[in-house]
Amino acid sequence: MVSALILKLVILEKCVPSGATIHFITDLALDTFIADTVGLALSILWNFTFNRKFTFKSANNVPIAMLLAFAFYVPFYPFQIWYIDAVEKSLANIGDWAFVIAQGTCMLINFVLEFIWQKFVVFRNPKRVGEATALSERHSDESASEEIAAENTDTE
């Protein structure tokens, strides 16, 4: 979100006409929409990289996994725009806290849903290629041991 703020303050104020709006689910200031969208894309890239390397330790096909990570936001980003606007409007009587509550609850929803998505869709395969190989070798060793044990009982 820091990148979105920097983008908005430095670049967009110079490039986007003041007061310009866009209608995407609801009416938004154009500079805010662009900053949020770019910030979201950078956040997805960062989270994907961090989750791939540290959280899930995945060696999946990176381009496909990246497309799956971005695919989560195809329905979630419009939901996020709608949800934050709806919560802010319904809690307008509490002032600035409406924005904080809307953003906070949306971040919580995003955290839970995106973790589930990444765990079961994006990074669903074994953690590392080496671990997958070790697992298959261990399975082969166990199968070979079972076959030897079966042969020994057959010969007795």
N, C-alpha and C. Protein backbone atom coordinates (compact mmCIF):
# COMPACT_ATOMS: atom_id res chain seq x y z
N MET A 1 0.81 -1.19 0.00
CA MET A 1 0.00 0.00 0.00
C MET A 1 0.85 1.27 0.00
N VAL A 2 2.09 1.17 0.49
CA VAL A 2 2.99 2.32 0.45
C VAL A 2 3.28 2.70 -0.99
N SER A 3 3.46 1.69 -1.84
CA SER A 3 3.73 1.97 -3.25
C SER A 3 2.55 2.70 -3.89
N ALA A 4 1.33 2.34 -3.51
CA ALA A 4 0.16 3.02 -4.06
C ALA A 4 0.12 4.48 -3.62
N LEU A 5 0.50 4.73 -2.37
CA LEU A 5 0.51 6.09 -1.86
C LEU A 5 1.56 6.93 -2.58
N ILE A 6 2.75 6.37 -2.76
CA ILE A 6 3.81 7.09 -3.46
C ILE A 6 3.41 7.36 -4.89
N LEU A 7 2.85 6.34 -5.56
CA LEU A 7 2.39 6.51 -6.93
C LEU A 7 1.36 7.62 -7.03
N LYS A 8 0.43 7.63 -6.09
CA LYS A 8 -0.63 8.63 -6.11
C LYS A 8 -0.06 10.02 -5.87
N LEU A 9 0.77 10.16 -4.87
CA LEU A 9 1.27 11.48 -4.50
C LEU A 9 2.23 12.05 -5.53
N VAL A 10 3.11 11.26 -6.05
CA VAL A 10 4.17 11.79 -6.90
C VAL A 10 3.78 11.82 -8.37
N ILE A 11 3.40 10.68 -8.88
CA ILE A 11 3.20 10.57 -10.33
C ILE A 11 1.80 10.98 -10.76
N LEU A 12 0.81 10.40 -10.11
CA LEU A 12 -0.55 10.60 -10.59
C LEU A 12 -1.05 12.02 -10.45
N GLU A 13 -0.60 12.71 -9.43
CA GLU A 13 -1.04 14.10 -9.29
C GLU A 13 -0.54 14.97 -10.43
N LYS A 14 0.56 14.56 -11.06
CA LYS A 14 1.11 15.30 -12.19
C LYS A 14 0.47 14.89 -13.52
N CYS A 15 -0.01 13.64 -13.60
CA CYS A 15 -0.48 13.10 -14.88
C CYS A 15 -1.99 13.04 -15.03
N VAL A 16 -2.72 12.87 -13.96
CA VAL A 16 -4.17 12.68 -14.05
C VAL A 16 -4.85 14.00 -13.71
N PRO A 17 -5.82 14.39 -14.53
CA PRO A 17 -6.53 15.64 -14.26
C PRO A 17 -7.19 15.61 -12.88
N SER A 18 -7.08 16.71 -12.19
CA SER A 18 -7.66 16.82 -10.85
C SER A 18 -9.18 16.68 -10.92
N GLY A 19 -9.72 15.85 -10.06
CA GLY A 19 -11.17 15.66 -10.00
C GLY A 19 -11.72 14.64 -10.97
N ALA A 20 -10.85 14.00 -11.78
CA ALA A 20 -11.32 12.99 -12.73
C ALA A 20 -11.82 11.77 -11.97
N THR A 21 -12.91 11.19 -12.45
CA THR A 21 -13.48 10.01 -11.81
C THR A 21 -13.64 8.88 -12.82
N ILE A 22 -13.83 7.70 -12.28
CA ILE A 22 -14.09 6.51 -13.09
C ILE A 22 -15.22 5.75 -12.41
N HIS A 23 -16.05 5.11 -13.22
CA HIS A 23 -17.10 4.27 -12.64
C HIS A 23 -16.69 2.81 -12.81
N PHE A 24 -16.23 2.22 -11.70
CA PHE A 24 -15.89 0.81 -11.65
C PHE A 24 -16.57 0.28 -10.40
N ILE A 25 -17.70 -0.35 -10.54
CA ILE A 25 -18.56 -0.80 -9.46
C ILE A 25 -19.21 0.39 -8.76
N THR A 26 -18.42 1.38 -8.47
CA THR A 26 -18.90 2.62 -7.85
C THR A 26 -18.07 3.77 -8.42
N ASP A 27 -18.43 4.99 -8.15
CA ASP A 27 -17.64 6.12 -8.63
C ASP A 27 -16.40 6.29 -7.75
N LEU A 28 -15.24 6.34 -8.41
CA LEU A 28 -13.97 6.49 -7.71
C LEU A 28 -13.16 7.61 -8.34
N ALA A 29 -12.32 8.25 -7.54
CA ALA A 29 -11.37 9.21 -8.11
C ALA A 29 -10.40 8.42 -8.98
N LEU A 30 -10.15 8.91 -10.18
CA LEU A 30 -9.31 8.18 -11.13
C LEU A 30 -7.91 7.94 -10.59
N ASP A 31 -7.32 8.95 -9.95
CA ASP A 31 -5.97 8.76 -9.42
C ASP A 31 -5.95 7.70 -8.31
N THR A 32 -6.98 7.64 -7.50
CA THR A 32 -7.06 6.63 -6.44
C THR A 32 -7.22 5.24 -7.05
N PHE A 33 -8.06 5.12 -8.07
CA PHE A 33 -8.26 3.84 -8.74
C PHE A 33 -6.96 3.32 -9.36
N ILE A 34 -6.26 4.20 -10.08
CA ILE A 34 -5.00 3.79 -10.71
C ILE A 34 -3.97 3.40 -9.65
N ALA A 35 -3.85 4.21 -8.61
CA ALA A 35 -2.88 3.93 -7.54
C ALA A 35 -3.21 2.62 -6.84
N ASP A 36 -4.48 2.39 -6.54
CA ASP A 36 -4.88 1.15 -5.89
C ASP A 36 -4.63 -0.07 -6.78
N THR A 37 -4.90 0.06 -8.07
CA THR A 37 -4.71 -1.05 -9.00
C THR A 37 -3.23 -1.39 -9.15
N VAL A 38 -2.39 -0.38 -9.30
CA VAL A 38 -0.95 -0.62 -9.41
C VAL A 38 -0.42 -1.17 -8.09
N GLY A 39 -0.86 -0.61 -6.97
CA GLY A 39 -0.44 -1.11 -5.67
C GLY A 39 -0.86 -2.56 -5.46
N LEU A 40 -2.05 -2.91 -5.91
CA LEU A 40 -2.53 -4.29 -5.80
C LEU A 40 -1.66 -5.23 -6.64
N ALA A 41 -1.34 -4.82 -7.87
CA ALA A 41 -0.50 -5.66 -8.73
C ALA A 41 0.87 -5.87 -8.10
N LEU A 42 1.46 -4.83 -7.56
CA LEU A 42 2.76 -4.96 -6.90
C LEU A 42 2.66 -5.84 -5.65
N SER A 43 1.57 -5.70 -4.93
CA SER A 43 1.34 -6.52 -3.74
C SER A 43 1.20 -8.00 -4.11
N ILE A 44 0.50 -8.28 -5.19
CA ILE A 44 0.34 -9.67 -5.65
C ILE A 44 1.70 -10.25 -6.02
N LEU A 45 2.52 -9.48 -6.74
CA LEU A 45 3.86 -9.95 -7.10
C LEU A 45 4.71 -10.23 -5.87
N TRP A 46 4.68 -9.32 -4.90
CA TRP A 46 5.46 -9.50 -3.68
C TRP A 46 4.97 -10.73 -2.91
N ASN A 47 3.67 -10.82 -2.69
CA ASN A 47 3.12 -11.93 -1.92
C ASN A 47 3.37 -13.27 -2.62
N PHE A 48 3.23 -13.30 -3.93
CA PHE A 48 3.48 -14.53 -4.68
C PHE A 48 4.93 -14.97 -4.50
N THR A 49 5.85 -14.03 -4.68
CA THR A 49 7.26 -14.35 -4.56
C THR A 49 7.59 -14.83 -3.15
N PHE A 50 7.11 -14.12 -2.15
CA PHE A 50 7.39 -14.47 -0.76
C PHE A 50 6.77 -15.83 -0.42
N ASN A 51 5.51 -16.04 -0.81
CA ASN A 51 4.84 -17.31 -0.52
C ASN A 51 5.50 -18.47 -1.26
N ARG A 52 5.90 -18.25 -2.49
CA ARG A 52 6.54 -19.31 -3.27
C ARG A 52 7.87 -19.72 -2.65
N LYS A 53 8.63 -18.73 -2.19
CA LYS A 53 9.97 -19.01 -1.68
C LYS A 53 9.97 -19.48 -0.23
N PHE A 54 9.15 -18.87 0.63
CA PHE A 54 9.25 -19.14 2.06
C PHE A 54 8.06 -19.89 2.65
N THR A 55 6.85 -19.47 2.34
CA THR A 55 5.68 -20.07 2.99
C THR A 55 5.41 -21.48 2.48
N PHE A 56 5.28 -21.62 1.16
CA PHE A 56 4.91 -22.91 0.59
C PHE A 56 6.10 -23.64 -0.02
N LYS A 57 7.22 -22.96 -0.18
CA LYS A 57 8.45 -23.56 -0.74
C LYS A 57 8.14 -24.38 -1.98
N SER A 58 7.49 -23.75 -2.92
CA SER A 58 7.00 -24.45 -4.10
C SER A 58 7.94 -24.30 -5.28
N ALA A 59 8.04 -25.35 -6.05
CA ALA A 59 8.82 -25.34 -7.29
C ALA A 59 7.89 -25.53 -8.49
N ASN A 60 6.65 -25.10 -8.34
CA ASN A 60 5.68 -25.23 -9.43
C ASN A 60 6.13 -24.46 -10.66
N ASN A 61 5.44 -24.69 -11.75
CA ASN A 61 5.63 -23.92 -12.96
C ASN A 61 5.29 -22.46 -12.63
N VAL A 62 6.29 -21.60 -12.62
CA VAL A 62 6.13 -20.23 -12.14
C VAL A 62 5.11 -19.43 -12.96
N PRO A 63 5.15 -19.44 -14.29
CA PRO A 63 4.16 -18.65 -15.04
C PRO A 63 2.72 -19.08 -14.76
N ILE A 64 2.48 -20.39 -14.69
CA ILE A 64 1.12 -20.86 -14.41
C ILE A 64 0.71 -20.48 -13.00
N ALA A 65 1.62 -20.67 -12.04
CA ALA A 65 1.32 -20.31 -10.66
C ALA A 65 1.04 -18.82 -10.53
N MET A 66 1.79 -18.00 -11.26
CA MET A 66 1.57 -16.54 -11.21
C MET A 66 0.21 -16.19 -11.80
N LEU A 67 -0.16 -16.83 -12.90
CA LEU A 67 -1.49 -16.58 -13.48
C LEU A 67 -2.59 -16.98 -12.50
N LEU A 68 -2.41 -18.09 -11.80
CA LEU A 68 -3.39 -18.51 -10.80
C LEU A 68 -3.46 -17.52 -9.65
N ALA A 69 -2.32 -16.97 -9.25
CA ALA A 69 -2.31 -15.98 -8.17
C ALA A 69 -3.06 -14.73 -8.60
N PHE A 70 -2.85 -14.28 -9.83
CA PHE A 70 -3.57 -13.10 -10.33
C PHE A 70 -5.05 -13.43 -10.55
N ALA A 71 -5.36 -14.66 -10.91
CA ALA A 71 -6.76 -15.05 -11.18
C ALA A 71 -7.64 -14.89 -9.94
N PHE A 72 -7.05 -15.01 -8.76
CA PHE A 72 -7.82 -14.82 -7.53
C PHE A 72 -8.46 -13.44 -7.50
N TYR A 73 -7.77 -12.45 -8.04
CA TYR A 73 -8.24 -11.07 -7.96
C TYR A 73 -9.23 -10.69 -9.05
N VAL A 74 -9.45 -11.57 -10.01
CA VAL A 74 -10.45 -11.26 -11.04
C VAL A 74 -11.82 -11.05 -10.40
N PRO A 75 -12.27 -11.93 -9.51
CA PRO A 75 -13.53 -11.62 -8.81
C PRO A 75 -13.32 -10.82 -7.53
N PHE A 76 -12.13 -10.95 -6.90
CA PHE A 76 -11.98 -10.31 -5.58
C PHE A 76 -11.81 -8.80 -5.67
N TYR A 77 -11.12 -8.30 -6.68
CA TYR A 77 -10.91 -6.85 -6.77
C TYR A 77 -12.23 -6.09 -6.93
N PRO A 78 -13.12 -6.51 -7.84
CA PRO A 78 -14.43 -5.83 -7.87
C PRO A 78 -15.19 -5.96 -6.55
N PHE A 79 -15.12 -7.15 -5.92
CA PHE A 79 -15.76 -7.31 -4.61
C PHE A 79 -15.17 -6.33 -3.60
N GLN A 80 -13.84 -6.19 -3.62
CA GLN A 80 -13.17 -5.28 -2.69
C GLN A 80 -13.65 -3.85 -2.89
N ILE A 81 -13.73 -3.41 -4.13
CA ILE A 81 -14.21 -2.05 -4.42
C ILE A 81 -15.62 -1.87 -3.89
N TRP A 82 -16.50 -2.83 -4.19
CA TRP A 82 -17.89 -2.75 -3.73
C TRP A 82 -17.97 -2.79 -2.20
N TYR A 83 -17.27 -3.73 -1.59
CA TYR A 83 -17.35 -3.94 -0.14
C TYR A 83 -16.90 -2.70 0.63
N ILE A 84 -15.76 -2.15 0.25
CA ILE A 84 -15.24 -0.98 0.96
C ILE A 84 -16.20 0.19 0.81
N ASP A 85 -16.72 0.39 -0.39
CA ASP A 85 -17.68 1.48 -0.60
C ASP A 85 -18.95 1.26 0.21
N ALA A 86 -19.47 0.03 0.21
CA ALA A 86 -20.72 -0.27 0.93
C ALA A 86 -20.55 -0.09 2.44
N VAL A 87 -19.43 -0.60 2.97
CA VAL A 87 -19.20 -0.48 4.42
C VAL A 87 -18.99 0.99 4.80
N GLU A 88 -18.22 1.72 4.01
CA GLU A 88 -18.00 3.15 4.31
C GLU A 88 -19.32 3.92 4.30
N LYS A 89 -20.17 3.66 3.32
CA LYS A 89 -21.45 4.36 3.25
C LYS A 89 -22.37 3.98 4.40
N SER A 90 -22.37 2.70 4.78
CA SER A 90 -23.26 2.27 5.85
C SER A 90 -22.78 2.74 7.22
N LEU A 91 -21.48 2.99 7.36
CA LEU A 91 -20.93 3.47 8.64
C LEU A 91 -20.51 4.93 8.58
N ALA A 92 -21.08 5.68 7.65
CA ALA A 92 -20.68 7.08 7.45
C ALA A 92 -20.86 7.92 8.71
N ASN A 93 -21.77 7.53 9.58
CA ASN A 93 -22.03 8.33 10.78
C ASN A 93 -20.90 8.27 11.80
N ILE A 94 -19.93 7.38 11.63
CA ILE A 94 -18.82 7.33 12.61
C ILE A 94 -17.56 7.98 12.07
N GLY A 95 -17.65 8.66 10.97
CA GLY A 95 -16.54 9.45 10.45
C GLY A 95 -15.43 8.61 9.82
N ASP A 96 -14.18 8.98 10.14
CA ASP A 96 -13.01 8.32 9.53
C ASP A 96 -12.89 6.85 9.91
N TRP A 97 -13.51 6.45 11.02
CA TRP A 97 -13.46 5.05 11.43
C TRP A 97 -14.15 4.13 10.43
N ALA A 98 -15.09 4.67 9.65
CA ALA A 98 -15.76 3.86 8.63
C ALA A 98 -14.75 3.34 7.62
N PHE A 99 -13.83 4.20 7.19
CA PHE A 99 -12.79 3.79 6.25
C PHE A 99 -11.88 2.74 6.87
N VAL A 100 -11.48 2.95 8.12
CA VAL A 100 -10.59 2.02 8.81
C VAL A 100 -11.25 0.65 8.96
N ILE A 101 -12.51 0.63 9.35
CA ILE A 101 -13.25 -0.63 9.51
C ILE A 101 -13.42 -1.32 8.16
N ALA A 102 -13.77 -0.56 7.13
CA ALA A 102 -13.95 -1.13 5.80
C ALA A 102 -12.65 -1.75 5.29
N GLN A 103 -11.57 -1.00 5.38
CA GLN A 103 -10.27 -1.51 4.91
C GLN A 103 -9.81 -2.70 5.75
N GLY A 104 -9.94 -2.59 7.06
CA GLY A 104 -9.48 -3.65 7.95
C GLY A 104 -10.22 -4.96 7.74
N THR A 105 -11.54 -4.90 7.65
CA THR A 105 -12.30 -6.14 7.45
C THR A 105 -12.05 -6.71 6.06
N CYS A 106 -11.88 -5.84 5.06
CA CYS A 106 -11.59 -6.32 3.71
C CYS A 106 -10.21 -6.99 3.67
N MET A 107 -9.25 -6.43 4.38
CA MET A 107 -7.91 -7.05 4.44
C MET A 107 -7.98 -8.41 5.11
N LEU A 108 -8.80 -8.53 6.14
CA LEU A 108 -8.94 -9.82 6.84
C LEU A 108 -9.58 -10.87 5.91
N ILE A 109 -10.64 -10.47 5.21
CA ILE A 109 -11.28 -11.37 4.25
C ILE A 109 -10.28 -11.78 3.17
N ASN A 110 -9.54 -10.81 2.65
CA ASN A 110 -8.54 -11.08 1.62
C ASN A 110 -7.48 -12.04 2.13
N PHE A 111 -6.99 -11.82 3.34
CA PHE A 111 -5.95 -12.67 3.91
C PHE A 111 -6.40 -14.13 3.97
N VAL A 112 -7.59 -14.35 4.50
CA VAL A 112 -8.09 -15.72 4.67
C VAL A 112 -8.34 -16.38 3.31
N LEU A 113 -9.06 -15.69 2.44
CA LEU A 113 -9.40 -16.28 1.14
C LEU A 113 -8.17 -16.49 0.25
N GLU A 114 -7.26 -15.53 0.26
CA GLU A 114 -6.07 -15.68 -0.59
C GLU A 114 -5.16 -16.79 -0.06
N PHE A 115 -5.05 -16.93 1.26
CA PHE A 115 -4.24 -18.03 1.81
C PHE A 115 -4.82 -19.37 1.37
N ILE A 116 -6.13 -19.52 1.48
CA ILE A 116 -6.78 -20.77 1.06
C ILE A 116 -6.56 -21.01 -0.42
N TRP A 117 -6.73 -19.96 -1.23
CA TRP A 117 -6.53 -20.06 -2.67
C TRP A 117 -5.10 -20.50 -2.99
N GLN A 118 -4.12 -19.85 -2.36
CA GLN A 118 -2.74 -20.18 -2.66
C GLN A 118 -2.36 -21.57 -2.15
N LYS A 119 -2.86 -21.95 -1.00
CA LYS A 119 -2.53 -23.27 -0.44
C LYS A 119 -3.11 -24.40 -1.28
N PHE A 120 -4.37 -24.26 -1.68
CA PHE A 120 -5.05 -25.38 -2.35
C PHE A 120 -5.12 -25.28 -3.86
N VAL A 121 -4.79 -24.13 -4.44
CA VAL A 121 -4.86 -23.99 -5.90
C VAL A 121 -3.48 -23.67 -6.48
N VAL A 122 -2.87 -22.60 -6.02
CA VAL A 122 -1.62 -22.14 -6.63
C VAL A 122 -0.45 -23.05 -6.27
N PHE A 123 -0.29 -23.36 -4.98
CA PHE A 123 0.86 -24.13 -4.52
C PHE A 123 0.44 -25.49 -3.97
N ARG A 124 -0.41 -26.20 -4.67
CA ARG A 124 -0.97 -27.44 -4.15
C ARG A 124 -0.04 -28.65 -4.28
N ASN A 125 1.01 -28.56 -5.06
CA ASN A 125 1.92 -29.68 -5.28
C ASN A 125 2.94 -29.79 -4.15
N PRO A 126 3.77 -30.85 -4.15
CA PRO A 126 4.79 -30.99 -3.11
C PRO A 126 5.66 -29.75 -2.99
N LYS A 127 6.23 -29.56 -1.81
CA LYS A 127 6.91 -28.32 -1.48
C LYS A 127 8.12 -28.01 -2.36
N ARG A 128 8.99 -28.97 -2.59
CA ARG A 128 10.17 -28.73 -3.41
C ARG A 128 10.40 -29.92 -4.33
N VAL A 129 11.11 -29.68 -5.39
CA VAL A 129 11.42 -30.77 -6.32
C VAL A 129 12.21 -31.83 -5.58
N GLY A 130 13.18 -31.43 -4.77
CA GLY A 130 13.99 -32.38 -4.01
C GLY A 130 13.14 -33.19 -3.06
N GLU A 131 12.18 -32.53 -2.40
CA GLU A 131 11.29 -33.24 -1.48
C GLU A 131 10.40 -34.20 -2.23
N ALA A 132 9.93 -33.78 -3.39
CA ALA A 132 9.08 -34.67 -4.19
C ALA A 132 9.87 -35.88 -4.64
N THR A 133 11.12 -35.68 -5.04
CA THR A 133 11.96 -36.80 -5.43
C THR A 133 12.23 -37.71 -4.25
N ALA A 134 12.51 -37.10 -3.09
CA ALA A 134 12.76 -37.90 -1.88
C ALA A 134 11.52 -38.70 -1.51
N LEU A 135 10.34 -38.09 -1.65
CA LEU A 135 9.10 -38.80 -1.34
C LEU A 135 8.90 -39.97 -2.30
N SER A 136 9.16 -39.76 -3.58
CA SER A 136 8.97 -40.85 -4.54
C SER A 136 10.01 -41.94 -4.32
N GLU A 137 11.25 -41.56 -3.96
CA GLU A 137 12.27 -42.57 -3.67
C GLU A 137 11.89 -43.37 -2.42
N ARG A 138 11.41 -42.67 -1.39
CA ARG A 138 11.00 -43.36 -0.18
C ARG A 138 9.85 -44.32 -0.47
N HIS A 139 8.90 -43.87 -1.31
CA HIS A 139 7.78 -44.73 -1.68
C HIS A 139 8.29 -45.95 -2.46
N SER A 140 9.27 -45.72 -3.36
CA SER A 140 9.85 -46.84 -4.11
C SER A 140 10.55 -47.81 -3.18
N ASP A 141 11.30 -47.27 -2.19
CA ASP A 141 11.99 -48.13 -1.23
C ASP A 141 10.99 -48.94 -0.41
N GLU A 142 9.89 -48.29 0.00
CA GLU A 142 8.87 -49.00 0.78
C GLU A 142 8.22 -50.09 -0.07
N SER A 143 7.96 -49.78 -1.33
CA SER A 143 7.36 -50.78 -2.23
C SER A 143 8.30 -51.95 -2.44
N ALA A 144 9.59 -51.64 -2.60
CA ALA A 144 10.58 -52.71 -2.79
C ALA A 144 10.67 -53.57 -1.53
N SER A 145 10.63 -52.94 -0.36
CA SER A 145 10.68 -53.70 0.91
C SER A 145 9.47 -54.60 1.04
N GLU A 146 8.30 -54.07 0.64
CA GLU A 146 7.07 -54.87 0.71
C GLU A 146 7.15 -56.06 -0.24
N GLU A 147 7.71 -55.84 -1.44
CA GLU A 147 7.83 -56.93 -2.41
C GLU A 147 8.79 -58.00 -1.90
N ILE A 148 9.90 -57.59 -1.29
CA ILE A 148 10.87 -58.55 -0.74
C ILE A 148 10.22 -59.33 0.39
N ALA A 149 9.49 -58.64 1.26
CA ALA A 149 8.81 -59.31 2.36
C ALA A 149 7.77 -60.30 1.82
N ALA A 150 7.08 -59.92 0.75
CA ALA A 150 6.07 -60.82 0.16
C ALA A 150 6.76 -62.03 -0.46
N GLU A 151 7.89 -61.84 -1.10
CA GLU A 151 8.64 -62.95 -1.68
C GLU A 151 9.13 -63.91 -0.59
N ASN A 152 9.59 -63.35 0.52
CA ASN A 152 10.09 -64.17 1.63
C ASN A 152 8.96 -65.00 2.23
N THR A 153 7.79 -64.45 2.35
CA THR A 153 6.67 -65.24 2.90
C THR A 153 6.20 -66.27 1.90
N ASP A 154 6.33 -66.01 0.59
CA ASP A 154 5.94 -66.98 -0.44
C ASP A 154 6.88 -68.18 -0.44
N THR A 155 8.17 -67.96 -0.17
CA THR A 155 9.15 -69.03 -0.22
C THR A 155 9.11 -69.91 1.02
N GLU A 156 8.54 -69.43 2.09
CA GLU A 156 8.47 -70.21 3.33
C GLU A 156 7.39 -71.18 3.28
